[in-house]
Amino acid sequence: MTPEQCRAARAIIGISQDELAARSEVAKATIAAFELGQRQPYARTLAAIRTTLEFAGVIFIEENGDGPGVRLKK
């Protein structure tokens, strides 16, 4: 997951960094720094964030020639 995917995922499900932090049990400062490209969290931290977003309906699209992205489940 890239910082851009994290921001986009939050946007399409309409949650704030505060709400993502509460749901994923990851510090808001960690999420904010990651989304700004200032910090690369531990793998388990990224997994917690990604799992939380996926549970909320986000699908992560991997690099496929056009770049990574996100979309909502049907």
N, C-alpha and C. Protein backbone atom coordinates (compact mmCIF):
# COMPACT_ATOMS: atom_id res chain seq x y z
N MET A 1 0.84 -1.17 0.00
CA MET A 1 0.00 0.00 0.00
C MET A 1 0.89 1.24 0.00
N THR A 2 0.55 2.17 -0.87
CA THR A 2 1.29 3.42 -0.94
C THR A 2 0.59 4.49 -0.10
N PRO A 3 1.29 5.57 0.23
CA PRO A 3 0.63 6.66 0.94
C PRO A 3 -0.58 7.20 0.17
N GLU A 4 -0.44 7.28 -1.14
CA GLU A 4 -1.53 7.79 -1.98
C GLU A 4 -2.75 6.86 -1.92
N GLN A 5 -2.50 5.56 -1.93
CA GLN A 5 -3.60 4.60 -1.82
C GLN A 5 -4.31 4.74 -0.47
N CYS A 6 -3.56 4.96 0.56
CA CYS A 6 -4.15 5.10 1.89
C CYS A 6 -5.06 6.33 1.93
N ARG A 7 -4.58 7.45 1.42
CA ARG A 7 -5.39 8.67 1.38
C ARG A 7 -6.65 8.46 0.54
N ALA A 8 -6.47 7.85 -0.64
CA ALA A 8 -7.61 7.62 -1.54
C ALA A 8 -8.62 6.67 -0.92
N ALA A 9 -8.13 5.64 -0.25
CA ALA A 9 -9.02 4.67 0.40
C ALA A 9 -9.86 5.35 1.47
N ARG A 10 -9.24 6.18 2.26
CA ARG A 10 -9.99 6.91 3.29
C ARG A 10 -11.04 7.80 2.65
N ALA A 11 -10.66 8.44 1.56
CA ALA A 11 -11.58 9.36 0.88
C ALA A 11 -12.80 8.65 0.33
N ILE A 12 -12.62 7.49 -0.29
CA ILE A 12 -13.77 6.84 -0.92
C ILE A 12 -14.73 6.20 0.09
N ILE A 13 -14.23 5.94 1.29
CA ILE A 13 -15.16 5.43 2.32
C ILE A 13 -15.54 6.52 3.31
N GLY A 14 -14.94 7.70 3.14
CA GLY A 14 -15.34 8.86 3.93
C GLY A 14 -14.98 8.82 5.40
N ILE A 15 -13.75 8.37 5.70
CA ILE A 15 -13.32 8.39 7.10
C ILE A 15 -12.09 9.27 7.26
N SER A 16 -11.94 9.82 8.43
CA SER A 16 -10.81 10.68 8.76
C SER A 16 -9.62 9.86 9.24
N GLN A 17 -8.50 10.52 9.38
CA GLN A 17 -7.33 9.86 9.97
C GLN A 17 -7.64 9.43 11.40
N ASP A 18 -8.38 10.25 12.12
CA ASP A 18 -8.75 9.90 13.49
C ASP A 18 -9.56 8.61 13.54
N GLU A 19 -10.54 8.50 12.63
CA GLU A 19 -11.37 7.29 12.62
C GLU A 19 -10.58 6.07 12.20
N LEU A 20 -9.71 6.23 11.20
CA LEU A 20 -8.86 5.11 10.78
C LEU A 20 -7.96 4.68 11.93
N ALA A 21 -7.42 5.64 12.64
CA ALA A 21 -6.56 5.33 13.79
C ALA A 21 -7.32 4.53 14.84
N ALA A 22 -8.53 4.94 15.14
CA ALA A 22 -9.33 4.24 16.14
C ALA A 22 -9.68 2.83 15.69
N ARG A 23 -10.09 2.69 14.44
CA ARG A 23 -10.49 1.38 13.93
C ARG A 23 -9.32 0.41 13.81
N SER A 24 -8.16 0.93 13.40
CA SER A 24 -7.00 0.06 13.15
C SER A 24 -6.10 -0.09 14.37
N GLU A 25 -6.33 0.73 15.39
CA GLU A 25 -5.49 0.75 16.60
C GLU A 25 -4.05 1.11 16.26
N VAL A 26 -3.92 2.05 15.30
CA VAL A 26 -2.62 2.60 14.91
C VAL A 26 -2.67 4.08 15.24
N ALA A 27 -1.59 4.62 15.77
CA ALA A 27 -1.56 6.03 16.16
C ALA A 27 -1.84 6.94 14.97
N LYS A 28 -2.64 7.99 15.20
CA LYS A 28 -2.94 8.95 14.14
C LYS A 28 -1.64 9.56 13.59
N ALA A 29 -0.69 9.83 14.45
CA ALA A 29 0.58 10.43 14.00
C ALA A 29 1.29 9.51 13.00
N THR A 30 1.20 8.21 13.21
CA THR A 30 1.81 7.25 12.30
C THR A 30 1.11 7.29 10.95
N ILE A 31 -0.22 7.32 10.96
CA ILE A 31 -0.98 7.39 9.72
C ILE A 31 -0.69 8.68 8.98
N ALA A 32 -0.69 9.79 9.69
CA ALA A 32 -0.44 11.10 9.08
C ALA A 32 0.96 11.15 8.44
N ALA A 33 1.95 10.68 9.17
CA ALA A 33 3.32 10.70 8.65
C ALA A 33 3.45 9.79 7.43
N PHE A 34 2.79 8.64 7.46
CA PHE A 34 2.82 7.73 6.32
C PHE A 34 2.18 8.37 5.10
N GLU A 35 0.99 8.96 5.28
CA GLU A 35 0.29 9.57 4.16
C GLU A 35 1.05 10.75 3.57
N LEU A 36 1.87 11.40 4.36
CA LEU A 36 2.70 12.51 3.87
C LEU A 36 4.02 12.04 3.28
N GLY A 37 4.27 10.74 3.35
CA GLY A 37 5.52 10.20 2.83
C GLY A 37 6.71 10.46 3.72
N GLN A 38 6.46 10.77 4.98
CA GLN A 38 7.53 11.09 5.92
C GLN A 38 8.02 9.89 6.70
N ARG A 39 7.27 8.80 6.64
CA ARG A 39 7.62 7.63 7.45
C ARG A 39 7.09 6.37 6.80
N GLN A 40 7.85 5.30 6.87
CA GLN A 40 7.41 3.99 6.40
C GLN A 40 7.16 3.13 7.63
N PRO A 41 5.90 2.89 7.96
CA PRO A 41 5.59 2.10 9.15
C PRO A 41 6.07 0.65 9.03
N TYR A 42 6.12 -0.02 10.17
CA TYR A 42 6.44 -1.45 10.18
C TYR A 42 5.40 -2.20 9.35
N ALA A 43 5.79 -3.37 8.85
CA ALA A 43 4.91 -4.18 8.01
C ALA A 43 3.62 -4.53 8.75
N ARG A 44 3.70 -4.85 10.04
CA ARG A 44 2.49 -5.21 10.79
C ARG A 44 1.57 -4.01 10.96
N THR A 45 2.13 -2.81 11.03
CA THR A 45 1.33 -1.60 11.14
C THR A 45 0.59 -1.34 9.83
N LEU A 46 1.31 -1.46 8.71
CA LEU A 46 0.66 -1.30 7.40
C LEU A 46 -0.42 -2.35 7.20
N ALA A 47 -0.16 -3.56 7.65
CA ALA A 47 -1.15 -4.63 7.52
C ALA A 47 -2.41 -4.29 8.31
N ALA A 48 -2.27 -3.73 9.49
CA ALA A 48 -3.42 -3.35 10.31
C ALA A 48 -4.24 -2.26 9.61
N ILE A 49 -3.56 -1.29 9.04
CA ILE A 49 -4.26 -0.22 8.33
C ILE A 49 -4.98 -0.78 7.11
N ARG A 50 -4.26 -1.57 6.33
CA ARG A 50 -4.85 -2.12 5.10
C ARG A 50 -6.04 -3.03 5.41
N THR A 51 -5.91 -3.89 6.39
CA THR A 51 -6.99 -4.79 6.76
C THR A 51 -8.22 -4.01 7.19
N THR A 52 -8.02 -2.95 7.93
CA THR A 52 -9.13 -2.10 8.37
C THR A 52 -9.85 -1.48 7.18
N LEU A 53 -9.08 -0.97 6.23
CA LEU A 53 -9.66 -0.36 5.04
C LEU A 53 -10.38 -1.39 4.17
N GLU A 54 -9.78 -2.57 4.04
CA GLU A 54 -10.41 -3.64 3.26
C GLU A 54 -11.72 -4.09 3.91
N PHE A 55 -11.73 -4.19 5.22
CA PHE A 55 -12.94 -4.58 5.95
C PHE A 55 -14.06 -3.56 5.71
N ALA A 56 -13.67 -2.30 5.49
CA ALA A 56 -14.65 -1.23 5.24
C ALA A 56 -15.11 -1.19 3.79
N GLY A 57 -14.53 -2.05 2.93
CA GLY A 57 -15.01 -2.14 1.56
C GLY A 57 -14.04 -1.70 0.48
N VAL A 58 -12.81 -1.41 0.84
CA VAL A 58 -11.81 -0.96 -0.13
C VAL A 58 -11.10 -2.16 -0.75
N ILE A 59 -10.89 -2.09 -2.05
CA ILE A 59 -10.06 -3.07 -2.75
C ILE A 59 -8.82 -2.33 -3.24
N PHE A 60 -7.66 -2.87 -2.94
CA PHE A 60 -6.40 -2.27 -3.39
C PHE A 60 -6.01 -2.87 -4.72
N ILE A 61 -5.70 -2.01 -5.67
CA ILE A 61 -5.28 -2.43 -7.00
C ILE A 61 -3.77 -2.25 -7.07
N GLU A 62 -3.08 -3.34 -7.35
CA GLU A 62 -1.62 -3.30 -7.40
C GLU A 62 -1.14 -2.66 -8.70
N GLU A 63 0.13 -2.38 -8.75
CA GLU A 63 0.76 -1.82 -9.95
C GLU A 63 0.45 -2.74 -11.13
N ASN A 64 -0.13 -2.18 -12.18
CA ASN A 64 -0.50 -2.99 -13.33
C ASN A 64 -0.15 -2.30 -14.65
N GLY A 65 0.83 -1.46 -14.63
CA GLY A 65 1.20 -0.71 -15.81
C GLY A 65 0.66 0.71 -15.78
N ASP A 66 -0.52 0.89 -15.17
CA ASP A 66 -1.10 2.21 -15.05
C ASP A 66 -0.91 2.81 -13.66
N GLY A 67 -0.32 2.05 -12.77
CA GLY A 67 -0.10 2.52 -11.41
C GLY A 67 -1.07 1.92 -10.42
N PRO A 68 -0.72 1.93 -9.15
CA PRO A 68 -1.59 1.37 -8.12
C PRO A 68 -2.80 2.26 -7.90
N GLY A 69 -3.85 1.67 -7.32
CA GLY A 69 -5.05 2.43 -7.04
C GLY A 69 -5.92 1.75 -6.02
N VAL A 70 -7.14 2.26 -5.86
CA VAL A 70 -8.13 1.68 -4.96
C VAL A 70 -9.50 1.79 -5.60
N ARG A 71 -10.40 0.92 -5.16
CA ARG A 71 -11.81 1.02 -5.56
C ARG A 71 -12.65 0.39 -4.48
N LEU A 72 -13.95 0.59 -4.58
CA LEU A 72 -14.88 -0.01 -3.63
C LEU A 72 -15.35 -1.36 -4.12
N LYS A 73 -15.65 -2.25 -3.18
CA LYS A 73 -16.25 -3.54 -3.52
C LYS A 73 -17.66 -3.28 -4.05
N LYS A 74 -18.14 -4.17 -4.88
CA LYS A 74 -19.51 -4.07 -5.39
C LYS A 74 -20.48 -4.52 -4.34
